[in-house]
Amino acid sequence: MHSKLDLHKHLSCEDIIVEFDRCHNENLLNRYLGRCNKLKQAMSECLQVEFDINRKKHFEKAMERRKKVEEAWKDMDE
């Protein structure tokens, strides 16, 4: 089970999250009988794709910062 997901943090998965929450809140038995499992799987896949995109962005930013630091170190050594 996912913790409560903030829609403003997961814009690309917003519609799936809303449908998943609606499915769970619509009927208590939906949660326990697995009627929302397809939505949960779709949501998990969407969140994983979003996580992978963010990880790549953060890695690229880190590499840029690292390059600047290494250039500064090179300037200090000269």
PDB file of N, CA and C in Angstrom:
ATOM      1  N   MET A   1       0.841  -1.187   0.000  1.00  0.00           N
ATOM      2  CA  MET A   1       0.000   0.000   0.000  1.00  0.00           C
ATOM      3  C   MET A   1       0.875   1.236   0.000  1.00  0.00           C
ATOM      4  N   HIS A   2       0.553   2.157  -0.872  1.00  0.00           N
ATOM      5  CA  HIS A   2       1.280   3.416  -0.928  1.00  0.00           C
ATOM      6  C   HIS A   2       0.798   4.325   0.183  1.00  0.00           C
ATOM      7  N   SER A   3       1.712   5.153   0.654  1.00  0.00           N
ATOM      8  CA  SER A   3       1.289   6.182   1.596  1.00  0.00           C
ATOM      9  C   SER A   3       0.445   7.199   0.826  1.00  0.00           C
ATOM     10  N   LYS A   4      -0.176   8.107   1.518  1.00  0.00           N
ATOM     11  CA  LYS A   4      -1.009   9.119   0.867  1.00  0.00           C
ATOM     12  C   LYS A   4      -0.140   9.935  -0.076  1.00  0.00           C
ATOM     13  N   LEU A   5      -0.522   9.966  -1.340  1.00  0.00           N
ATOM     14  CA  LEU A   5       0.269  10.645  -2.357  1.00  0.00           C
ATOM     15  C   LEU A   5      -0.266  12.047  -2.596  1.00  0.00           C
ATOM     16  N   ASP A   6       0.625  13.012  -2.603  1.00  0.00           N
ATOM     17  CA  ASP A   6       0.254  14.391  -2.874  1.00  0.00           C
ATOM     18  C   ASP A   6       0.177  14.596  -4.375  1.00  0.00           C
ATOM     19  N   LEU A   7      -0.950  15.095  -4.835  1.00  0.00           N
ATOM     20  CA  LEU A   7      -1.150  15.263  -6.270  1.00  0.00           C
ATOM     21  C   LEU A   7      -0.209  16.304  -6.865  1.00  0.00           C
ATOM     22  N   HIS A   8       0.134  17.330  -6.104  1.00  0.00           N
ATOM     23  CA  HIS A   8       1.004  18.366  -6.648  1.00  0.00           C
ATOM     24  C   HIS A   8       2.439  17.875  -6.850  1.00  0.00           C
ATOM     25  N   LYS A   9       2.806  16.766  -6.241  1.00  0.00           N
ATOM     26  CA  LYS A   9       4.148  16.208  -6.417  1.00  0.00           C
ATOM     27  C   LYS A   9       4.201  15.208  -7.561  1.00  0.00           C
ATOM     28  N   HIS A  10       3.066  14.678  -7.962  1.00  0.00           N
ATOM     29  CA  HIS A  10       3.012  13.639  -8.981  1.00  0.00           C
ATOM     30  C   HIS A  10       2.021  14.024 -10.078  1.00  0.00           C
ATOM     31  N   LEU A  11       2.354  15.072 -10.798  1.00  0.00           N
ATOM     32  CA  LEU A  11       1.422  15.604 -11.791  1.00  0.00           C
ATOM     33  C   LEU A  11       1.166  14.642 -12.938  1.00  0.00           C
ATOM     34  N   SER A  12       2.169  13.892 -13.340  1.00  0.00           N
ATOM     35  CA  SER A  12       1.988  12.999 -14.475  1.00  0.00           C
ATOM     36  C   SER A  12       1.119  11.794 -14.130  1.00  0.00           C
ATOM     37  N   CYS A  13       0.983  11.481 -12.854  1.00  0.00           N
ATOM     38  CA  CYS A  13       0.195  10.321 -12.421  1.00  0.00           C
ATOM     39  C   CYS A  13      -1.102  10.734 -11.725  1.00  0.00           C
ATOM     40  N   GLU A  14      -1.449  11.981 -11.843  1.00  0.00           N
ATOM     41  CA  GLU A  14      -2.575  12.527 -11.084  1.00  0.00           C
ATOM     42  C   GLU A  14      -3.882  11.781 -11.340  1.00  0.00           C
ATOM     43  N   ASP A  15      -4.214  11.528 -12.598  1.00  0.00           N
ATOM     44  CA  ASP A  15      -5.500  10.896 -12.895  1.00  0.00           C
ATOM     45  C   ASP A  15      -5.562   9.462 -12.351  1.00  0.00           C
ATOM     46  N   ILE A  16      -4.459   8.742 -12.404  1.00  0.00           N
ATOM     47  CA  ILE A  16      -4.439   7.370 -11.882  1.00  0.00           C
ATOM     48  C   ILE A  16      -4.574   7.382 -10.362  1.00  0.00           C
ATOM     49  N   ILE A  17      -3.903   8.322  -9.711  1.00  0.00           N
ATOM     50  CA  ILE A  17      -3.984   8.429  -8.247  1.00  0.00           C
ATOM     51  C   ILE A  17      -5.404   8.738  -7.811  1.00  0.00           C
ATOM     52  N   VAL A  18      -6.060   9.655  -8.524  1.00  0.00           N
ATOM     53  CA  VAL A  18      -7.440  10.021  -8.187  1.00  0.00           C
ATOM     54  C   VAL A  18      -8.359   8.819  -8.350  1.00  0.00           C
ATOM     55  N   GLU A  19      -8.199   8.090  -9.452  1.00  0.00           N
ATOM     56  CA  GLU A  19      -9.033   6.898  -9.679  1.00  0.00           C
ATOM     57  C   GLU A  19      -8.776   5.835  -8.617  1.00  0.00           C
ATOM     58  N   PHE A  20      -7.534   5.647  -8.241  1.00  0.00           N
ATOM     59  CA  PHE A  20      -7.187   4.663  -7.227  1.00  0.00           C
ATOM     60  C   PHE A  20      -7.805   5.038  -5.869  1.00  0.00           C
ATOM     61  N   ASP A  21      -7.688   6.306  -5.484  1.00  0.00           N
ATOM     62  CA  ASP A  21      -8.307   6.762  -4.233  1.00  0.00           C
ATOM     63  C   ASP A  21      -9.821   6.608  -4.280  1.00  0.00           C
ATOM     64  N   ARG A  22     -10.425   6.936  -5.427  1.00  0.00           N
ATOM     65  CA  ARG A  22     -11.870   6.804  -5.564  1.00  0.00           C
ATOM     66  C   ARG A  22     -12.287   5.340  -5.421  1.00  0.00           C
ATOM     67  N   CYS A  23     -11.522   4.439  -6.031  1.00  0.00           N
ATOM     68  CA  CYS A  23     -11.828   3.011  -5.947  1.00  0.00           C
ATOM     69  C   CYS A  23     -11.771   2.534  -4.498  1.00  0.00           C
ATOM     70  N   HIS A  24     -10.780   2.975  -3.762  1.00  0.00           N
ATOM     71  CA  HIS A  24     -10.657   2.564  -2.363  1.00  0.00           C
ATOM     72  C   HIS A  24     -11.758   3.153  -1.486  1.00  0.00           C
ATOM     73  N   ASN A  25     -12.117   4.395  -1.761  1.00  0.00           N
ATOM     74  CA  ASN A  25     -13.103   5.070  -0.913  1.00  0.00           C
ATOM     75  C   ASN A  25     -14.540   4.731  -1.292  1.00  0.00           C
ATOM     76  N   GLU A  26     -14.734   4.234  -2.505  1.00  0.00           N
ATOM     77  CA  GLU A  26     -16.070   3.928  -2.996  1.00  0.00           C
ATOM     78  C   GLU A  26     -16.735   2.825  -2.169  1.00  0.00           C
ATOM     79  N   ASN A  27     -15.985   1.798  -1.874  1.00  0.00           N
ATOM     80  CA  ASN A  27     -16.528   0.668  -1.136  1.00  0.00           C
ATOM     81  C   ASN A  27     -15.374   0.027  -0.370  1.00  0.00           C
ATOM     82  N   LEU A  28     -15.556  -0.188   0.892  1.00  0.00           N
ATOM     83  CA  LEU A  28     -14.497  -0.736   1.726  1.00  0.00           C
ATOM     84  C   LEU A  28     -14.026  -2.103   1.235  1.00  0.00           C
ATOM     85  N   LEU A  29     -14.934  -2.883   0.681  1.00  0.00           N
ATOM     86  CA  LEU A  29     -14.559  -4.214   0.220  1.00  0.00           C
ATOM     87  C   LEU A  29     -13.665  -4.191  -1.015  1.00  0.00           C
ATOM     88  N   ASN A  30     -13.714  -3.101  -1.785  1.00  0.00           N
ATOM     89  CA  ASN A  30     -12.848  -3.003  -2.962  1.00  0.00           C
ATOM     90  C   ASN A  30     -11.388  -3.197  -2.577  1.00  0.00           C
ATOM     91  N   ARG A  31     -11.024  -2.602  -1.486  1.00  0.00           N
ATOM     92  CA  ARG A  31      -9.644  -2.663  -1.017  1.00  0.00           C
ATOM     93  C   ARG A  31      -9.252  -4.089  -0.655  1.00  0.00           C
ATOM     94  N   TYR A  32     -10.120  -4.794  -0.007  1.00  0.00           N
ATOM     95  CA  TYR A  32      -9.781  -6.119   0.524  1.00  0.00           C
ATOM     96  C   TYR A  32     -10.009  -7.248  -0.471  1.00  0.00           C
ATOM     97  N   LEU A  33     -10.856  -7.024  -1.460  1.00  0.00           N
ATOM     98  CA  LEU A  33     -11.128  -8.065  -2.441  1.00  0.00           C
ATOM     99  C   LEU A  33     -10.273  -7.926  -3.701  1.00  0.00           C
ATOM    100  N   GLY A  34      -9.414  -6.920  -3.735  1.00  0.00           N
ATOM    101  CA  GLY A  34      -8.503  -6.763  -4.861  1.00  0.00           C
ATOM    102  C   GLY A  34      -9.113  -6.141  -6.095  1.00  0.00           C
ATOM    103  N   ARG A  35     -10.204  -5.439  -5.936  1.00  0.00           N
ATOM    104  CA  ARG A  35     -10.863  -4.831  -7.097  1.00  0.00           C
ATOM    105  C   ARG A  35     -10.115  -3.610  -7.624  1.00  0.00           C
ATOM    106  N   CYS A  36      -9.170  -3.109  -6.842  1.00  0.00           N
ATOM    107  CA  CYS A  36      -8.398  -1.928  -7.253  1.00  0.00           C
ATOM    108  C   CYS A  36      -6.965  -2.300  -7.646  1.00  0.00           C
ATOM    109  N   ASN A  37      -6.686  -3.583  -7.761  1.00  0.00           N
ATOM    110  CA  ASN A  37      -5.316  -4.019  -8.011  1.00  0.00           C
ATOM    111  C   ASN A  37      -4.769  -3.539  -9.343  1.00  0.00           C
ATOM    112  N   LYS A  38      -5.591  -3.495 -10.388  1.00  0.00           N
ATOM    113  CA  LYS A  38      -5.112  -3.031 -11.691  1.00  0.00           C
ATOM    114  C   LYS A  38      -4.734  -1.557 -11.631  1.00  0.00           C
ATOM    115  N   LEU A  39      -5.543  -0.777 -10.930  1.00  0.00           N
ATOM    116  CA  LEU A  39      -5.219   0.639 -10.754  1.00  0.00           C
ATOM    117  C   LEU A  39      -3.943   0.805  -9.934  1.00  0.00           C
ATOM    118  N   LYS A  40      -3.788  -0.017  -8.920  1.00  0.00           N
ATOM    119  CA  LYS A  40      -2.582   0.064  -8.084  1.00  0.00           C
ATOM    120  C   LYS A  40      -1.352  -0.265  -8.896  1.00  0.00           C
ATOM    121  N   GLN A  41      -1.441  -1.270  -9.748  1.00  0.00           N
ATOM    122  CA  GLN A  41      -0.307  -1.646 -10.602  1.00  0.00           C
ATOM    123  C   GLN A  41       0.023  -0.523 -11.576  1.00  0.00           C
ATOM    124  N   ALA A  42      -1.003   0.064 -12.174  1.00  0.00           N
ATOM    125  CA  ALA A  42      -0.796   1.174 -13.108  1.00  0.00           C
ATOM    126  C   ALA A  42      -0.170   2.367 -12.388  1.00  0.00           C
ATOM    127  N   MET A  43      -0.630   2.628 -11.175  1.00  0.00           N
ATOM    128  CA  MET A  43      -0.086   3.736 -10.396  1.00  0.00           C
ATOM    129  C   MET A  43       1.377   3.474 -10.038  1.00  0.00           C
ATOM    130  N   SER A  44       1.688   2.257  -9.638  1.00  0.00           N
ATOM    131  CA  SER A  44       3.068   1.911  -9.297  1.00  0.00           C
ATOM    132  C   SER A  44       3.987   2.066 -10.498  1.00  0.00           C
ATOM    133  N   GLU A  45       3.536   1.632 -11.656  1.00  0.00           N
ATOM    134  CA  GLU A  45       4.334   1.772 -12.870  1.00  0.00           C
ATOM    135  C   GLU A  45       4.540   3.238 -13.232  1.00  0.00           C
ATOM    136  N   CYS A  46       3.489   4.027 -13.113  1.00  0.00           N
ATOM    137  CA  CYS A  46       3.579   5.455 -13.415  1.00  0.00           C
ATOM    138  C   CYS A  46       4.548   6.147 -12.458  1.00  0.00           C
ATOM    139  N   LEU A  47       4.449   5.835 -11.176  1.00  0.00           N
ATOM    140  CA  LEU A  47       5.338   6.432 -10.194  1.00  0.00           C
ATOM    141  C   LEU A  47       6.786   6.005 -10.419  1.00  0.00           C
ATOM    142  N   GLN A  48       7.005   4.777 -10.867  1.00  0.00           N
ATOM    143  CA  GLN A  48       8.361   4.311 -11.148  1.00  0.00           C
ATOM    144  C   GLN A  48       8.958   5.062 -12.326  1.00  0.00           C
ATOM    145  N   VAL A  49       8.162   5.267 -13.367  1.00  0.00           N
ATOM    146  CA  VAL A  49       8.639   6.028 -14.527  1.00  0.00           C
ATOM    147  C   VAL A  49       8.982   7.447 -14.095  1.00  0.00           C
ATOM    148  N   GLU A  50       8.117   8.055 -13.305  1.00  0.00           N
ATOM    149  CA  GLU A  50       8.360   9.405 -12.814  1.00  0.00           C
ATOM    150  C   GLU A  50       9.633   9.456 -11.965  1.00  0.00           C
ATOM    151  N   PHE A  51       9.826   8.454 -11.118  1.00  0.00           N
ATOM    152  CA  PHE A  51      11.017   8.382 -10.276  1.00  0.00           C
ATOM    153  C   PHE A  51      12.271   8.267 -11.131  1.00  0.00           C
ATOM    154  N   ASP A  52      12.221   7.440 -12.173  1.00  0.00           N
ATOM    155  CA  ASP A  52      13.378   7.259 -13.054  1.00  0.00           C
ATOM    156  C   ASP A  52      13.727   8.556 -13.781  1.00  0.00           C
ATOM    157  N   ILE A  53      12.724   9.292 -14.222  1.00  0.00           N
ATOM    158  CA  ILE A  53      12.966  10.575 -14.892  1.00  0.00           C
ATOM    159  C   ILE A  53      13.615  11.560 -13.933  1.00  0.00           C
ATOM    160  N   ASN A  54      13.083  11.646 -12.709  1.00  0.00           N
ATOM    161  CA  ASN A  54      13.649  12.559 -11.723  1.00  0.00           C
ATOM    162  C   ASN A  54      15.063  12.149 -11.333  1.00  0.00           C
ATOM    163  N   ARG A  55      15.311  10.852 -11.224  1.00  0.00           N
ATOM    164  CA  ARG A  55      16.650  10.387 -10.873  1.00  0.00           C
ATOM    165  C   ARG A  55      17.647  10.788 -11.952  1.00  0.00           C
ATOM    166  N   LYS A  56      17.253  10.678 -13.217  1.00  0.00           N
ATOM    167  CA  LYS A  56      18.144  11.061 -14.306  1.00  0.00           C
ATOM    168  C   LYS A  56      18.434  12.565 -14.274  1.00  0.00           C
ATOM    169  N   LYS A  57      17.406  13.375 -14.028  1.00  0.00           N
ATOM    170  CA  LYS A  57      17.599  14.829 -13.933  1.00  0.00           C
ATOM    171  C   LYS A  57      18.558  15.170 -12.796  1.00  0.00           C
ATOM    172  N   HIS A  58      18.357  14.551 -11.645  1.00  0.00           N
ATOM    173  CA  HIS A  58      19.210  14.837 -10.491  1.00  0.00           C
ATOM    174  C   HIS A  58      20.646  14.390 -10.742  1.00  0.00           C
ATOM    175  N   PHE A  59      20.818  13.268 -11.420  1.00  0.00           N
ATOM    176  CA  PHE A  59      22.151  12.785 -11.743  1.00  0.00           C
ATOM    177  C   PHE A  59      22.870  13.767 -12.669  1.00  0.00           C
ATOM    178  N   GLU A  60      22.158  14.271 -13.674  1.00  0.00           N
ATOM    179  CA  GLU A  60      22.762  15.227 -14.601  1.00  0.00           C
ATOM    180  C   GLU A  60      23.152  16.513 -13.882  1.00  0.00           C
ATOM    181  N   LYS A  61      22.308  16.991 -12.976  1.00  0.00           N
ATOM    182  CA  LYS A  61      22.647  18.184 -12.198  1.00  0.00           C
ATOM    183  C   LYS A  61      23.862  17.931 -11.318  1.00  0.00           C
ATOM    184  N   ALA A  62      23.924  16.758 -10.711  1.00  0.00           N
ATOM    185  CA  ALA A  62      25.061  16.417  -9.858  1.00  0.00           C
ATOM    186  C   ALA A  62      26.351  16.354 -10.673  1.00  0.00           C
ATOM    187  N   MET A  63      26.272  15.829 -11.873  1.00  0.00           N
ATOM    188  CA  MET A  63      27.462  15.755 -12.727  1.00  0.00           C
ATOM    189  C   MET A  63      27.929  17.158 -13.124  1.00  0.00           C
ATOM    190  N   GLU A  64      26.996  18.066 -13.379  1.00  0.00           N
ATOM    191  CA  GLU A  64      27.354  19.446 -13.697  1.00  0.00           C
ATOM    192  C   GLU A  64      28.038  20.110 -12.514  1.00  0.00           C
ATOM    193  N   ARG A  65      27.481  19.917 -11.318  1.00  0.00           N
ATOM    194  CA  ARG A  65      28.095  20.493 -10.113  1.00  0.00           C
ATOM    195  C   ARG A  65      29.479  19.896  -9.879  1.00  0.00           C
ATOM    196  N   ARG A  66      29.600  18.601 -10.085  1.00  0.00           N
ATOM    197  CA  ARG A  66      30.884  17.936  -9.887  1.00  0.00           C
ATOM    198  C   ARG A  66      31.930  18.465 -10.863  1.00  0.00           C
ATOM    199  N   LYS A  67      31.516  18.706 -12.099  1.00  0.00           N
ATOM    200  CA  LYS A  67      32.434  19.235 -13.104  1.00  0.00           C
ATOM    201  C   LYS A  67      32.932  20.622 -12.697  1.00  0.00           C
ATOM    202  N   LYS A  68      32.024  21.461 -12.181  1.00  0.00           N
ATOM    203  CA  LYS A  68      32.421  22.797 -11.728  1.00  0.00           C
ATOM    204  C   LYS A  68      33.410  22.708 -10.570  1.00  0.00           C
ATOM    205  N   VAL A  69      33.171  21.794  -9.652  1.00  0.00           N
ATOM    206  CA  VAL A  69      34.067  21.633  -8.500  1.00  0.00           C
ATOM    207  C   VAL A  69      35.439  21.162  -8.965  1.00  0.00           C
ATOM    208  N   GLU A  70      35.472  20.205  -9.866  1.00  0.00           N
ATOM    209  CA  GLU A  70      36.750  19.700 -10.368  1.00  0.00           C
ATOM    210  C   GLU A  70      37.517  20.780 -11.129  1.00  0.00           C
ATOM    211  N   GLU A  71      36.807  21.631 -11.866  1.00  0.00           N
ATOM    212  CA  GLU A  71      37.464  22.750 -12.543  1.00  0.00           C
ATOM    213  C   GLU A  71      38.042  23.726 -11.534  1.00  0.00           C
ATOM    214  N   ALA A  72      37.303  23.982 -10.457  1.00  0.00           N
ATOM    215  CA  ALA A  72      37.806  24.877  -9.413  1.00  0.00           C
ATOM    216  C   ALA A  72      39.039  24.273  -8.752  1.00  0.00           C
ATOM    217  N   TRP A  73      39.038  22.976  -8.508  1.00  0.00           N
ATOM    218  CA  TRP A  73      40.204  22.322  -7.924  1.00  0.00           C
ATOM    219  C   TRP A  73      41.409  22.410  -8.854  1.00  0.00           C
ATOM    220  N   LYS A  74      41.152  22.242 -10.147  1.00  0.00           N
ATOM    221  CA  LYS A  74      42.239  22.310 -11.121  1.00  0.00           C
ATOM    222  C   LYS A  74      42.847  23.705 -11.127  1.00  0.00           C
ATOM    223  N   ASP A  75      41.988  24.734 -11.029  1.00  0.00           N
ATOM    224  CA  ASP A  75      42.478  26.119 -10.991  1.00  0.00           C
ATOM    225  C   ASP A  75      43.301  26.360  -9.727  1.00  0.00           C
ATOM    226  N   MET A  76      42.922  25.751  -8.601  1.00  0.00           N
ATOM    227  CA  MET A  76      43.680  25.934  -7.368  1.00  0.00           C
ATOM    228  C   MET A  76      45.050  25.266  -7.431  1.00  0.00           C
ATOM    229  N   ASP A  77      45.113  24.159  -8.124  1.00  0.00           N
ATOM    230  CA  ASP A  77      46.370  23.423  -8.212  1.00  0.00           C
ATOM    231  C   ASP A  77      47.386  24.142  -9.093  1.00  0.00           C
ATOM    232  N   GLU A  78      46.921  24.947 -10.036  1.00  0.00           N
ATOM    233  CA  GLU A  78      47.831  25.642 -10.951  1.00  0.00           C
ATOM    234  C   GLU A  78      48.433  26.858 -10.380  1.00  0.00           C
TER     235      GLU A  78
END
